[in-house]
């Protein structure tokens, strides 16, 4: 019995390192980077753009709306998000785009889902 406890503990500790998940995340989720142009005067800036949306029964993003976008137009972000597929997401989904002298990360969160694209 001790062996099972140790094995379970070991798996819980290493699962984030190897990308395993005990949640209901799906390998069918598709999040991709898109071309989002940033003006030259913002090249050395640091900021985050955040959008929220729901998904339909097939995982396609719907009702995409801006939560925070201090510097850029919303259209490129919305077009990018609309091309994703998130069948494992439920409820409201948030997508955060990080700019730090270039696009550095997209983080997508929802109930039962947390994914990040570096």
Protein backbone atom coordinates (compact mmCIF):
# COMPACT_ATOMS: atom_id res chain seq x y z
CA UNK A 1 0.00 0.00 0.00
CA UNK A 2 2.87 2.39 0.76
CA UNK A 3 4.24 1.81 -2.73
CA UNK A 4 0.97 2.99 -4.31
CA UNK A 5 0.95 6.15 -2.21
CA UNK A 6 4.54 6.92 -3.16
CA UNK A 7 3.87 6.20 -6.81
CA UNK A 8 0.80 8.45 -6.79
CA UNK A 9 2.74 11.22 -5.08
CA UNK A 10 5.60 10.85 -7.55
CA UNK A 11 3.22 11.04 -10.52
CA UNK A 12 1.55 14.14 -9.11
CA UNK A 13 4.92 15.80 -8.65
CA UNK A 14 6.32 15.03 -12.10
CA UNK A 15 3.13 15.38 -14.16
CA UNK A 16 3.54 19.16 -14.64
CA UNK A 17 7.10 18.60 -15.79
CA UNK A 18 6.16 16.19 -18.55
CA UNK A 19 2.89 17.83 -19.54
CA UNK A 20 0.49 15.22 -18.17
CA UNK A 21 -2.81 16.31 -16.76
CA UNK A 22 -5.27 14.68 -14.42
CA UNK A 23 -7.97 17.16 -15.48
CA UNK A 24 -10.28 16.83 -18.45
CA UNK A 25 -8.04 18.66 -20.92
CA UNK A 26 -8.15 17.22 -24.38
CA UNK A 27 -5.44 16.71 -26.95
CA UNK A 28 -8.10 17.80 -29.43
CA UNK A 29 -7.85 21.40 -28.19
CA UNK A 30 -6.24 23.56 -30.86
CA UNK A 31 -4.72 26.92 -29.94
CA UNK A 32 -2.42 28.56 -32.47
CA UNK A 33 -0.38 31.72 -32.73
CA UNK A 34 -1.54 34.25 -35.28
CA UNK A 35 0.06 37.26 -36.89
CA UNK A 36 -0.80 40.22 -34.69
CA UNK A 37 1.04 43.28 -35.89
CA UNK A 38 2.40 45.66 -33.28
CA UNK A 39 3.39 49.24 -34.14
CA UNK A 40 7.05 50.17 -33.97
CA UNK A 41 6.51 52.56 -31.04
CA UNK A 42 5.36 49.60 -28.89
CA UNK A 43 8.26 47.29 -29.73
CA UNK A 44 9.93 47.82 -26.34
CA UNK A 45 6.70 47.90 -24.33
CA UNK A 46 5.29 45.25 -22.02
CA UNK A 47 1.54 44.67 -21.94
CA UNK A 48 -1.21 42.07 -21.88
CA UNK A 49 -4.32 41.81 -24.03
CA UNK A 50 -7.14 39.71 -22.57
CA UNK A 51 -10.25 38.42 -24.30
CA UNK A 52 -13.13 36.30 -23.02
CA UNK A 53 -15.48 33.99 -24.90
CA UNK A 54 -17.61 30.88 -24.66
CA UNK A 55 -17.47 27.80 -26.86
CA UNK A 56 -20.25 26.13 -28.82
CA UNK A 57 -21.00 22.39 -28.64
CA UNK A 58 -18.08 21.69 -31.03
CA UNK A 59 -15.55 23.79 -29.09
CA UNK A 60 -15.56 26.74 -31.50
CA UNK A 61 -15.16 30.12 -29.75
CA UNK A 62 -18.29 32.30 -29.80
CA UNK A 63 -19.20 35.67 -28.26
CA UNK A 64 -15.57 36.85 -28.25
CA UNK A 65 -15.16 40.12 -26.36
CA UNK A 66 -12.37 42.34 -25.13
CA UNK A 67 -11.59 42.36 -21.41
CA UNK A 68 -8.32 44.33 -21.62
CA UNK A 69 -6.51 45.61 -24.69
CA UNK A 70 -4.76 48.89 -23.97
CA UNK A 71 -2.90 49.52 -27.22
CA UNK A 72 -3.98 47.46 -30.22
CA UNK A 73 -7.11 46.91 -32.28
CA UNK A 74 -9.32 44.00 -31.27
CA UNK A 75 -9.93 42.53 -34.74
CA UNK A 76 -6.66 40.57 -35.09
CA UNK A 77 -7.10 38.96 -31.66
CA UNK A 78 -10.72 38.07 -32.35
CA UNK A 79 -9.82 36.56 -35.73
CA UNK A 80 -7.05 34.54 -34.10
CA UNK A 81 -9.29 33.21 -31.33
CA UNK A 82 -12.10 32.36 -33.76
CA UNK A 83 -9.76 29.89 -35.48
CA UNK A 84 -9.19 27.88 -32.30
CA UNK A 85 -10.98 24.72 -31.20
CA UNK A 86 -11.45 24.03 -27.48
CA UNK A 87 -13.78 21.05 -27.00
CA UNK A 88 -12.57 20.52 -23.42
CA UNK A 89 -13.48 24.08 -22.34
CA UNK A 90 -16.67 24.87 -20.49
CA UNK A 91 -18.12 28.14 -19.27
CA UNK A 92 -16.29 31.39 -19.89
CA UNK A 93 -12.82 31.07 -21.40
CA UNK A 94 -10.15 33.75 -21.08
CA UNK A 95 -7.22 34.19 -23.44
CA UNK A 96 -4.28 36.35 -22.36
CA UNK A 97 -1.73 37.47 -24.94
CA UNK A 98 1.58 38.62 -23.39
CA UNK A 99 3.81 41.13 -25.17
CA UNK A 100 7.29 41.67 -23.75
CA UNK A 101 9.46 43.02 -26.57
CA UNK A 102 7.60 40.53 -28.76
CA UNK A 103 4.73 38.08 -28.30
CA UNK A 104 5.90 35.75 -25.55
CA UNK A 105 2.90 33.69 -24.43
CA UNK A 106 -0.77 32.93 -24.89
CA UNK A 107 -2.48 31.58 -21.79
CA UNK A 108 -5.97 30.09 -22.10
CA UNK A 109 -8.01 29.31 -18.99
CA UNK A 110 -11.48 27.93 -18.31
CA UNK A 111 -13.11 25.47 -15.97
CA UNK A 112 -11.23 22.22 -16.58
CA UNK A 113 -8.71 23.84 -18.93
CA UNK A 114 -5.41 25.65 -18.55
CA UNK A 115 -3.10 25.80 -21.54
CA UNK A 116 -0.17 27.96 -22.41
CA UNK A 117 1.70 28.55 -25.67
CA UNK A 118 5.15 29.99 -25.21
